[in-house]
Amino acid sequence: MDKELIRNIIVENQQLVQSVELVERPFEFEDNGNYVFVGVRQAGKSYMLYQRAKQLLKAGYDIDQIVYISFDDERINEIKSSELDIILQAHRLLTDLKPVLFLDEIQNIDGWEHFARRLANEKYTVYITGSNAKMLSRDIQTTLGGRYWDVAVYPFSFAEFLKAKNVKLEKNWQFSKTQGTVARVFEEYFYFGGFPELLNIKAKRLWLTNIYNKIFFSDIVVRNGVRSEDALRITVKRLAACVMQPTSYNRLTNLIKATGININATTVTNFVQYLKDACILFSIENYADKFVDKQTTKKHYFVDNGLLNLFLTNPETALLENICAIFLYKNFGSGLYYYKKNIEVDFFVPDEKIGVQVSYGIDDSETRERELKALASLNKFIPLNRALVITKNTEEIVEYQGLKIEIIPIWKWILL
């Protein structure tokens, strides 16, 4: 690898960092912390690096200390982990100041974690991003030796989306004209998701298709050596179609076989794991299941509504539940479940005793009774601290069988 090339890249990216405009995300960096940011491509991980670099410059750091390297840069796409020290060598050609390192999409380099550990051992300040959840695996964390903070990065929340759209939420906004603006802006977020770069794109579906194809080929097919792209594509489509339903790997296999694809459950299980590794999918378990069933039957959701919407027709009901799942998963992670044993509740957070049902509308008396009864039934087994029905637009508070149930529009709930 050419040291002069790396030096030129460092200088180019110093100019980039200074010129880029960004919407600051609500994240507080530890002054002496090293970080690994992991999330789906285009979720805004690079902008987290830009944000931190700008903060350091404002705090008095010299621009010559900023070393930002993107490993998606085709000029260095063949660099090996054994050559990574050339970054430090190239920086020494520019200045004697100790660098702060920003290493973007480093998962492309096998063995990167050994270099990252050495940097931490030598007291460098380091910020790393990657688009593969394996970066948070036990093996890599063991190698890093607890020297880095792990942070999951998602596309914009609705609050961040509003901020990027210059919609300010004043005190008691829900009782002012702002409420109508929020509800209107939510429609875009609902159908197209929260990828930061998408805000200024007119051809949103085309952009989403392109980024999905990039993830599909680079982060899944190539990285995992997938031989049957058709089988993988059908797997994604079936997962999208089943997004609200508990689905076992055997059932998913049979759904794929019904399309004429010859596949077994082991391959399907691997495909689902690849999708999780690429950070486009997450799963939740049934709280009422035995351990074995928890591992084999789950509800699967997409990390962004825009990606899910690529695969659906008449998507509203699925998108509503998916956006609820994203919001809850970001807040509760592995502490989020669904509940299915004699009764079925869409989401359950046992640590907080929260039960959540999702229904696009509850004007129909039969639908209303079903949703309220499910929460009341769960409350008899496990007393709830909070019971909610999330809808598209309906809002009220009801008492049902002695249980207070909040009925809240999705666009208001995810801002509370």
Foldseek 3Di string as FASTA:
>chain_A
DDLQVLLVVQVVVLVVLVPDDDQDDPDDDDPQAAAEEEAFPLQCLVVVVSVVVVVVVVVPDDSLQEGEDECVPPVCVPDELVCVCSNVVSSVVPDPDHHAYEYEQCVSYPPVLLVVLVCVVVSHHYYYYHQFPCCVPPVSCVSNPPRHDYHYGAFDFLVSVCVVVVLDQDPPSCVDPSVVVLLVSVVCCLQANGRPVLPPDPPRLVVLVVSVVCCLVPQFCVVVVDDDSVLLVVLLLLLLVCQQDWDFLQRSQVVSVVVVDDDDSVVSVVSVNSCVRSNQKDWAAAPPDDPVRRVGITRMATRTNNNSNNNDDPCNQSSQLRSVVNLVCVVQPRQWHWHDDPATFRIARQVQQETEHEDQDPPDPVSVCNHVVRSVVVCVVPNGPAYEYEYQCDFDWDADPNDIYTYYYPSVVSVD
